[in-house]
Protein backbone atom coordinates (compact mmCIF):
# COMPACT_ATOMS: atom_id res chain seq x y z
CA MET A 1 -28.22 -62.72 69.66
CA ARG A 2 -28.36 -63.82 66.04
CA GLY A 3 -29.33 -60.32 64.90
CA THR A 4 -25.95 -58.99 66.02
CA VAL A 5 -23.96 -61.42 63.84
CA LEU A 6 -22.59 -59.58 60.81
CA ASP A 7 -22.01 -62.73 58.79
CA ALA A 8 -23.28 -66.04 60.11
CA PHE A 9 -21.21 -67.93 57.54
CA ALA A 10 -17.88 -66.20 58.18
CA ASP A 11 -16.27 -69.32 59.66
CA ARG A 12 -17.34 -71.48 56.71
CA TYR A 13 -15.84 -69.55 53.81
CA ALA A 14 -12.92 -71.00 51.88
CA GLU A 15 -9.53 -69.57 52.69
CA ARG A 16 -9.24 -68.06 49.20
CA THR A 17 -12.13 -65.67 49.98
CA HIS A 18 -10.36 -63.99 52.87
CA GLY A 19 -8.46 -61.56 50.71
CA MET A 20 -11.34 -60.75 48.37
CA THR A 21 -12.18 -57.05 48.30
CA ALA A 22 -14.08 -54.81 45.93
CA SER A 23 -11.83 -53.27 43.28
CA GLU A 24 -11.25 -49.53 43.32
CA ILE A 25 -13.21 -49.31 40.06
CA ARG A 26 -16.25 -51.35 41.09
CA ALA A 27 -16.47 -49.44 44.35
CA LEU A 28 -17.02 -46.24 42.34
CA PHE A 29 -19.98 -47.49 40.32
CA ALA A 30 -22.62 -45.91 42.56
CA VAL A 31 -20.83 -42.57 42.30
CA VAL A 32 -20.11 -42.46 38.58
CA SER A 33 -23.69 -43.33 37.70
CA ARG A 34 -24.83 -39.97 39.09
CA PRO A 35 -25.38 -37.59 36.15
CA GLU A 36 -23.83 -34.61 37.91
CA VAL A 37 -20.50 -36.47 38.31
CA VAL A 38 -17.97 -36.35 35.49
CA SER A 39 -16.50 -39.84 35.45
CA LEU A 40 -12.87 -40.09 34.40
CA ALA A 41 -12.82 -43.45 36.17
CA GLY A 42 -14.26 -46.43 34.32
CA GLY A 43 -12.90 -47.57 30.95
CA MET A 44 -16.28 -47.94 29.26
CA PRO A 45 -16.11 -48.08 25.45
CA ALA A 46 -18.16 -45.56 23.49
CA VAL A 47 -20.72 -48.04 22.19
CA THR A 48 -22.98 -45.20 21.01
CA ALA A 49 -20.50 -44.77 18.16
CA LEU A 50 -21.66 -48.13 16.78
CA PRO A 51 -24.31 -48.21 14.00
CA LEU A 52 -26.89 -49.41 16.51
CA ASP A 53 -29.78 -49.60 14.03
CA ALA A 54 -27.73 -51.82 11.72
CA VAL A 55 -26.54 -53.97 14.62
CA GLY A 56 -30.11 -54.32 15.90
CA SER A 57 -31.37 -55.39 12.48
CA MET A 58 -28.48 -57.83 12.18
CA ILE A 59 -29.34 -59.45 15.51
CA GLY A 60 -33.02 -59.70 14.61
CA ASP A 61 -32.18 -61.38 11.32
CA LEU A 62 -29.76 -63.70 13.12
CA ILE A 63 -32.47 -64.90 15.49
CA SER A 64 -34.87 -65.42 12.59
CA ARG A 65 -32.35 -67.55 10.71
CA LEU A 66 -30.38 -69.27 13.46
CA GLY A 67 -32.47 -68.87 16.59
CA ALA A 68 -32.54 -72.57 17.42
CA GLN A 69 -28.72 -72.63 17.40
CA ALA A 70 -28.23 -69.22 19.00
CA LEU A 71 -30.46 -70.06 21.96
CA GLN A 72 -29.06 -73.54 22.58
CA TYR A 73 -26.05 -74.94 24.41
CA GLY A 74 -22.83 -74.93 22.42
CA SER A 75 -19.28 -76.23 22.41
CA GLY A 76 -17.12 -75.75 25.47
CA GLN A 77 -14.33 -74.50 23.21
CA GLY A 78 -16.54 -72.04 21.39
CA ASP A 79 -18.18 -71.72 17.98
CA VAL A 80 -15.85 -72.92 15.23
CA ARG A 81 -16.92 -70.17 12.82
CA LEU A 82 -16.02 -67.52 15.39
CA ARG A 83 -12.72 -69.20 16.18
CA GLU A 84 -11.80 -69.08 12.49
CA GLN A 85 -12.64 -65.38 12.43
CA ILE A 86 -10.54 -64.79 15.53
CA LEU A 87 -7.56 -66.09 13.57
CA GLN A 88 -8.15 -63.30 11.05
CA VAL A 89 -8.32 -60.71 13.82
CA MET A 90 -5.07 -61.93 15.37
CA GLY A 91 -3.51 -61.99 11.92
CA LEU A 92 -3.66 -58.19 11.96
CA GLU A 93 -1.16 -58.38 14.85
CA GLY A 94 1.16 -60.78 13.08
CA ILE A 95 -0.15 -64.01 14.60
CA THR A 96 -0.19 -66.30 11.57
CA GLY A 97 0.84 -69.74 12.80
CA ALA A 98 -2.17 -70.50 14.99
CA SER A 99 -5.14 -72.69 14.08
CA ALA A 100 -8.75 -72.55 15.20
CA ASP A 101 -7.97 -75.52 17.48
CA ASP A 102 -5.58 -73.28 19.44
CA VAL A 103 -8.39 -70.86 20.34
CA VAL A 104 -10.76 -71.13 23.30
CA VAL A 105 -13.66 -68.66 23.35
CA THR A 106 -14.30 -67.16 26.78
CA VAL A 107 -16.79 -64.93 28.57
CA GLY A 108 -14.63 -61.87 28.02
CA SER A 109 -10.87 -61.96 28.39
CA GLN A 110 -11.45 -61.72 32.15
CA GLN A 111 -12.62 -65.32 32.16
CA GLY A 112 -9.57 -66.18 30.09
CA LEU A 113 -7.38 -64.79 32.86
CA ASP A 114 -9.27 -66.79 35.43
CA LEU A 115 -8.95 -70.01 33.42
CA VAL A 116 -5.20 -69.54 33.01
CA SER A 117 -4.91 -68.99 36.76
CA ARG A 118 -6.95 -72.10 37.51
CA VAL A 119 -4.75 -74.17 35.22
CA PHE A 120 -1.37 -72.91 36.40
CA LEU A 121 -1.51 -71.38 39.88
CA ASP A 122 -1.40 -73.10 43.25
CA PRO A 123 -1.65 -71.15 46.51
CA GLY A 124 1.64 -69.40 47.20
CA ASP A 125 2.85 -69.41 43.59
CA VAL A 126 4.57 -66.27 42.32
CA VAL A 127 3.27 -64.17 39.43
CA LEU A 128 5.32 -61.35 37.95
CA ALA A 129 3.28 -58.32 36.85
CA GLU A 130 4.03 -54.80 35.74
CA ALA A 131 3.96 -51.99 38.27
CA PRO A 132 1.22 -50.78 38.00
CA SER A 133 -0.96 -53.58 36.61
CA TYR A 134 -4.53 -54.20 35.47
CA VAL A 135 -6.77 -54.33 38.55
CA GLY A 136 -8.85 -57.22 37.16
CA ALA A 137 -5.75 -59.38 36.81
CA LEU A 138 -4.66 -58.61 40.36
CA GLY A 139 -8.08 -59.72 41.58
CA VAL A 140 -7.78 -63.02 39.71
CA PHE A 141 -4.30 -63.69 41.09
CA GLN A 142 -5.47 -62.80 44.59
CA ALA A 143 -8.39 -65.22 44.29
CA ALA A 144 -5.90 -67.91 43.23
CA GLN A 145 -3.91 -67.14 46.41
CA ALA A 146 -0.86 -66.30 44.33
CA HIS A 147 1.82 -63.81 45.37
CA VAL A 148 2.27 -60.93 42.91
CA VAL A 149 5.76 -59.48 42.52
CA HIS A 150 5.74 -56.20 40.63
CA VAL A 151 8.29 -55.31 37.95
CA ASP A 152 9.00 -51.65 37.22
CA MET A 153 7.98 -50.00 33.97
CA ASP A 154 8.61 -46.58 32.44
CA ALA A 155 7.47 -44.61 29.39
CA ASP A 156 8.71 -47.45 27.15
CA GLY A 157 6.86 -50.19 29.03
CA LEU A 158 8.17 -53.06 31.13
CA ILE A 159 11.88 -52.62 31.89
CA PRO A 160 13.88 -55.72 30.83
CA GLN A 161 16.61 -55.16 33.41
CA ALA A 162 13.99 -54.91 36.15
CA LEU A 163 12.53 -58.22 34.98
CA SER A 164 15.97 -59.85 35.07
CA ASP A 165 16.64 -58.44 38.53
CA ALA A 166 13.32 -59.74 39.83
CA LEU A 167 13.99 -63.22 38.48
CA VAL A 168 17.47 -63.28 40.02
CA ALA A 169 16.17 -62.06 43.38
CA LEU A 170 13.43 -64.70 43.41
CA ALA A 171 15.90 -67.44 42.47
CA ALA A 172 18.12 -66.38 45.36
CA ARG A 173 15.17 -67.04 47.67
CA GLY A 174 14.48 -70.38 46.04
CA GLN A 175 11.36 -69.14 44.24
CA ARG A 176 10.46 -69.65 40.60
CA PRO A 177 7.59 -67.57 39.18
CA LYS A 178 4.90 -69.42 37.28
CA LEU A 179 3.83 -66.55 35.02
CA LEU A 180 4.70 -63.10 33.71
CA TYR A 181 1.53 -61.07 33.13
CA THR A 182 1.84 -58.10 30.76
CA VAL A 183 -0.33 -55.64 28.83
CA PRO A 184 2.16 -54.55 26.15
CA ASN A 185 -0.06 -52.25 24.06
CA PHE A 186 -1.61 -49.03 25.40
CA HIS A 187 -1.29 -50.29 28.92
CA ASN A 188 -4.09 -50.34 31.46
CA PRO A 189 -3.60 -48.30 33.60
CA ALA A 190 -0.29 -46.67 32.61
CA GLY A 191 -1.18 -45.79 29.01
CA VAL A 192 2.30 -46.69 27.71
CA THR A 193 3.36 -49.14 24.97
CA LEU A 194 6.19 -51.64 25.08
CA THR A 195 8.86 -50.75 22.51
CA GLU A 196 9.88 -53.18 19.78
CA GLN A 197 13.39 -53.60 21.20
CA ARG A 198 12.05 -54.39 24.64
CA ARG A 199 9.63 -56.98 23.27
CA THR A 200 12.60 -58.88 21.87
CA GLU A 201 14.57 -58.51 25.11
CA ILE A 202 11.72 -59.61 27.36
CA LEU A 203 11.02 -62.71 25.31
CA ALA A 204 14.74 -63.57 25.41
CA ILE A 205 14.69 -63.23 29.20
CA ALA A 206 11.58 -65.42 29.38
CA GLU A 207 13.30 -68.05 27.25
CA ALA A 208 16.43 -67.99 29.39
CA HIS A 209 14.41 -68.45 32.60
CA ASP A 210 11.78 -70.81 31.14
CA LEU A 211 9.07 -68.29 32.02
CA LEU A 212 5.53 -68.47 30.64
CA VAL A 213 4.17 -65.12 29.40
CA ILE A 214 0.51 -64.07 29.55
CA GLU A 215 -0.07 -61.37 26.91
CA ASP A 216 -3.28 -59.43 27.57
CA ASN A 217 -4.07 -57.34 24.50
CA PRO A 218 -7.59 -55.88 24.42
CA TYR A 219 -6.45 -52.52 23.00
CA GLY A 220 -4.05 -53.68 20.28
CA LEU A 221 -6.10 -52.38 17.33
CA LEU A 222 -6.80 -49.00 18.93
CA GLY A 223 -3.52 -47.20 18.20
CA PHE A 224 -4.07 -43.57 17.29
CA ASP A 225 -1.51 -43.57 14.49
CA GLU A 226 -3.15 -46.78 13.15
CA GLN A 227 0.07 -48.71 13.79
CA VAL A 228 -0.57 -52.27 14.93
CA HIS A 229 2.29 -53.63 17.02
CA PRO A 230 3.16 -57.28 16.34
CA ALA A 231 1.97 -59.39 19.26
CA LEU A 232 4.40 -61.16 21.55
CA ARG A 233 2.52 -64.33 20.56
CA ALA A 234 3.55 -63.70 16.93
CA ARG A 235 7.21 -63.92 17.94
CA CYS A 236 7.04 -66.83 20.37
CA ALA A 237 4.10 -69.19 20.00
CA ASP A 238 5.32 -71.81 22.48
CA ARG A 239 5.89 -69.48 25.43
CA VAL A 240 3.10 -66.90 25.13
CA ILE A 241 -0.56 -67.35 26.01
CA TYR A 242 -2.52 -64.63 24.27
CA LEU A 243 -5.71 -63.06 25.64
CA GLY A 244 -8.01 -61.14 23.29
CA SER A 245 -11.41 -59.46 23.53
CA PHE A 246 -14.17 -57.93 21.42
CA SER A 247 -15.18 -55.66 24.30
CA LYS A 248 -13.12 -52.70 23.08
CA THR A 249 -13.59 -53.13 19.31
CA PHE A 250 -17.28 -54.10 19.33
CA ALA A 251 -19.38 -54.33 22.50
CA PRO A 252 -18.43 -55.18 26.10
CA GLY A 253 -22.00 -56.21 26.93
CA LEU A 254 -21.66 -59.32 24.77
CA ARG A 255 -18.77 -60.55 26.94
CA VAL A 256 -16.87 -62.39 24.20
CA GLY A 257 -13.12 -62.90 24.47
CA TRP A 258 -10.65 -65.65 23.74
CA VAL A 259 -7.43 -67.37 24.69
CA CYS A 260 -4.89 -68.54 22.12
CA ALA A 261 -2.63 -71.08 23.76
CA PRO A 262 -0.23 -73.92 22.99
CA HIS A 263 -2.07 -77.15 22.22
CA ALA A 264 -1.59 -78.93 25.56
CA VAL A 265 -2.61 -75.81 27.50
CA ARG A 266 -5.69 -75.43 25.32
CA ASP A 267 -7.00 -78.83 26.42
CA LYS A 268 -6.69 -77.85 30.09
CA LEU A 269 -8.39 -74.51 29.44
CA ILE A 270 -11.37 -76.22 27.81
CA LEU A 271 -11.78 -78.56 30.77
CA ALA A 272 -11.55 -75.64 33.20
CA SER A 273 -14.07 -73.63 31.18
CA GLU A 274 -16.54 -76.50 31.00
CA ALA A 275 -16.31 -76.93 34.77
CA GLN A 276 -16.90 -73.22 35.25
CA VAL A 277 -19.55 -72.17 32.68
CA LEU A 278 -20.20 -75.38 30.69
CA CYS A 279 -20.01 -73.37 27.45
CA PRO A 280 -19.69 -69.70 26.46
CA PRO A 281 -23.02 -68.09 25.47
CA ALA A 282 -23.96 -69.19 21.95
CA LEU A 283 -26.01 -66.08 21.19
CA SER A 284 -23.16 -63.68 22.01
CA GLN A 285 -20.73 -65.69 19.90
CA LEU A 286 -23.04 -65.80 16.89
CA VAL A 287 -23.71 -62.06 17.17
CA VAL A 288 -19.97 -61.35 17.06
CA ALA A 289 -19.45 -63.80 14.19
CA GLU A 290 -22.31 -62.23 12.23
CA TYR A 291 -20.96 -58.75 12.92
CA LEU A 292 -17.51 -59.71 11.62
CA ASP A 293 -19.07 -61.27 8.51
CA SER A 294 -21.72 -58.72 7.62
CA GLN A 295 -20.58 -55.34 8.95
CA PRO A 296 -17.61 -53.11 7.97
CA TRP A 297 -16.00 -53.76 11.33
CA LEU A 298 -12.52 -52.56 10.39
CA GLU A 299 -14.03 -49.24 9.37
CA GLN A 300 -15.78 -49.17 12.73
CA VAL A 301 -12.46 -49.75 14.49
CA LYS A 302 -11.15 -46.72 12.59
CA VAL A 303 -14.15 -44.71 13.87
CA PHE A 304 -13.29 -45.75 17.42
CA ARG A 305 -9.63 -44.81 16.93
CA GLU A 306 -10.51 -41.32 15.71
CA LEU A 307 -13.04 -40.79 18.49
CA TYR A 308 -10.65 -41.90 21.23
CA ARG A 309 -7.79 -39.89 19.74
CA GLU A 310 -9.94 -36.74 19.86
CA ARG A 311 -10.84 -37.44 23.48
CA ARG A 312 -7.21 -38.21 24.35
CA ASP A 313 -6.16 -34.89 22.80
CA THR A 314 -8.89 -33.08 24.71
CA ALA A 315 -7.76 -34.62 27.99
CA LEU A 316 -4.09 -33.87 27.42
CA GLY A 317 -4.82 -30.30 26.35
CA ALA A 318 -6.91 -29.71 29.46
CA LEU A 319 -4.23 -31.21 31.70
CA VAL A 320 -1.57 -28.91 30.23
CA ALA A 321 -3.80 -25.86 30.59
CA LEU A 322 -5.25 -26.50 34.03
CA MET A 323 -3.10 -28.73 36.24
CA PRO A 324 -0.99 -27.07 38.94
CA ALA A 325 2.78 -27.36 38.99
CA GLY A 326 4.16 -30.68 40.17
CA VAL A 327 1.55 -32.86 38.50
CA SER A 328 2.77 -35.16 35.71
CA TRP A 329 1.12 -37.71 33.43
CA THR A 330 1.72 -40.15 30.59
CA ARG A 331 0.85 -39.47 26.95
CA PRO A 332 -0.84 -42.59 25.51
CA ASP A 333 -0.65 -43.29 21.79
CA GLY A 334 -3.66 -45.60 21.92
CA GLY A 335 -6.18 -47.18 24.25
CA PHE A 336 -8.18 -45.52 27.02
CA TYR A 337 -5.98 -44.34 29.87
CA ILE A 338 -3.70 -41.64 31.28
CA TRP A 339 -1.61 -42.34 34.40
CA MET A 340 -1.11 -39.31 36.63
CA THR A 341 1.46 -38.66 39.34
CA LEU A 342 0.50 -36.15 42.02
CA PRO A 343 2.88 -33.71 43.74
CA GLU A 344 4.87 -35.27 46.54
CA GLY A 345 2.89 -35.79 49.71
CA LEU A 346 -0.58 -36.03 48.17
CA ASP A 347 -2.59 -39.23 48.53
CA ALA A 348 -5.01 -40.01 45.67
CA LYS A 349 -7.14 -42.29 47.83
CA ALA A 350 -7.41 -39.76 50.66
CA MET A 351 -8.21 -37.05 48.11
CA GLN A 352 -11.06 -39.05 46.56
CA PRO A 353 -13.89 -37.89 48.88
CA ARG A 354 -13.05 -34.28 48.07
CA ALA A 355 -13.11 -35.13 44.36
CA VAL A 356 -16.51 -36.82 44.63
CA HIS A 357 -17.79 -33.78 46.53
CA ASN A 358 -16.56 -31.68 43.61
CA ARG A 359 -18.38 -34.04 41.19
CA VAL A 360 -15.44 -35.69 39.47
CA ALA A 361 -14.35 -39.33 39.70
CA TYR A 362 -11.04 -41.09 39.04
CA VAL A 363 -9.45 -44.37 40.15
CA PRO A 364 -6.78 -44.13 42.88
CA GLY A 365 -3.47 -45.68 41.87
CA ILE A 366 -3.22 -47.94 44.90
CA GLY A 367 -5.81 -50.25 43.31
CA PHE A 368 -3.36 -51.15 40.54
CA TYR A 369 -0.75 -52.61 42.87
CA ALA A 370 -0.71 -55.70 45.05
CA ASP A 371 1.75 -54.27 47.55
CA GLY A 372 0.48 -50.84 48.59
CA GLN A 373 2.31 -48.75 46.00
CA GLY A 374 0.56 -46.08 43.97
CA VAL A 375 -0.51 -43.78 46.80
CA GLY A 376 0.52 -40.71 44.79
CA ASN A 377 -0.96 -41.89 41.49
CA LEU A 378 -4.35 -42.05 39.82
CA ARG A 379 -5.82 -43.30 36.55
CA LEU A 380 -7.87 -41.12 34.24
CA SER A 381 -10.05 -42.60 31.50
CA TYR A 382 -11.01 -40.43 28.54
CA CYS A 383 -12.86 -42.99 26.41
CA PHE A 384 -16.45 -42.47 27.57
CA PRO A 385 -17.18 -38.76 28.29
CA GLU A 386 -17.80 -36.28 25.50
CA PRO A 387 -14.94 -33.78 24.99
CA GLU A 388 -16.67 -30.91 26.82
CA ARG A 389 -17.29 -33.20 29.80
CA ILE A 390 -13.63 -34.26 29.77
CA ARG A 391 -12.53 -30.62 29.95
CA GLU A 392 -14.94 -29.93 32.79
CA GLY A 393 -13.81 -33.06 34.63
CA VAL A 394 -10.16 -32.07 34.37
CA ARG A 395 -11.03 -28.55 35.56
CA ARG A 396 -12.77 -29.96 38.63
CA LEU A 397 -9.90 -32.35 39.32
CA ALA A 398 -7.33 -29.56 39.03
CA SER A 399 -9.33 -27.53 41.56
CA VAL A 400 -9.36 -30.49 43.96
CA ILE A 401 -5.58 -30.94 43.66
CA GLU A 402 -5.02 -27.23 44.25
CA GLU A 403 -7.16 -27.41 47.40
CA GLU A 404 -5.18 -30.40 48.62
CA LEU A 405 -1.91 -28.56 48.01
CA GLU A 406 -3.16 -25.53 49.93
CA LEU A 407 -4.21 -27.71 52.84
CA ARG A 408 -0.84 -29.44 52.88
CA THR A 409 1.02 -26.14 52.79
CA THR A 410 -1.09 -24.87 55.70
CA PHE A 411 -0.52 -28.08 57.66
CA LEU A 412 3.21 -27.99 57.11
CA GLY A 413 3.36 -24.35 58.10
CA GLU A 414 1.49 -25.01 61.32
CA ALA A 415 3.71 -28.01 62.07
CA VAL A 416 6.86 -25.94 61.62
CA ALA A 417 5.44 -23.14 63.75
CA GLY A 418 4.57 -25.64 66.47
CA ARG A 419 8.10 -27.01 66.56
CA THR A 420 9.72 -23.58 66.77
CA ARG A 421 7.25 -22.09 69.26
CA GLY A 422 9.08 -20.70 72.27
CA GLY A 423 12.21 -19.91 70.25
CA GLN A 424 13.60 -23.45 70.26
CA PRO A 425 13.78 -24.91 66.73
CA HIS A 426 13.29 -28.60 66.21
CA GLY A 427 16.48 -30.53 66.64
CA ALA A 428 17.46 -28.99 69.95
CA GLY A 429 16.71 -32.05 71.98
CA ASP A 430 13.07 -32.85 71.20
CA GLY A 431 13.67 -36.05 69.21
CA PRO A 432 13.15 -36.93 65.56
CA ALA A 433 10.64 -35.13 63.35
CA PRO A 434 7.32 -36.91 62.89
CA ASN A 435 6.36 -38.43 59.56
CA LEU A 436 4.17 -35.87 57.81
CA PRO A 437 1.55 -36.83 55.24
């Protein structure tokens, strides 16, 4: 009967849809919207820190003056005034050799990622990405039917030797990666920043292997010591495609980002964008351009830095005070995220229902890998909750971890007792020990 068919179109979908799954973050939306749940999950900027009255008046005046333009179709490459302003924003990160013609405005940097994938990736192509990596990028690469190979990172960011080893191993199998995807500043989800020395080394490796680098940098201006790290694109214009966004420094709801790419790549990106969305929304672009022209936006970035630094400090202080032994975490010097490692044997995904029951949400680490790693990790976001909510969220999470540790200890004790029951310890002829969780 037709009523028993779960999906009548299942045999008609394109092959690229077969691996599509909801991200670990999107799957939590129904939970984190509940007011009783402290969400340490989603990386939502604190837009309430904006001067909303001033922004509202600015938008009203914009419509009065330029409504016919703001509500009309626009250029597939994006508004030229905004592209000129984007050059000034990138100039803060040392990118000085680009022109407005090198910039393509996108519907958030997420669309920029998708456009780059459409231009460069065929099914089966290899993409190198940090381990862990931004979940949105993994989804784009999966949709492109690319194969992601992870490259290890540590507290100093992507490890150059690990990148070299991965390239050599791929070459030995006759494979050549199309792209290296990296978030060098205040990494999502790891919260670490690539050191200056490693930036030089990684670009040298990319040059030696003729590897194209995708630099995703939405958090670059949000360093807590106000240091702005020079972009990879500033050092190597011909090999780096730069992705930027106003979601973290202004408003994510406007969905305005950009790609800065070598000239030939730019032309392909424009064609791909026109095929996908025809043109980025004119109203959103003009709002951002007006904001950059008429508001003290650099002072607002400073407000965001101070607010996120306070919340980072609150989160770290609560973790030190409340977490049980065996839990470790990164210490970000900018951005939104802390990466946590659980005691051996605990599974962040399996622990999640208990956490939701205890009214706290996080993102399991497995969602930030393409190959099943990250079982013992989770991502915490401190950017959105108020400090007292952050402390309460960490307290609830610590309680959940302690409960999980107690359960594991009890389980292990019962397993040992079961093996030795009757006076015969394991190893006396009853085969290998089972794999314990």
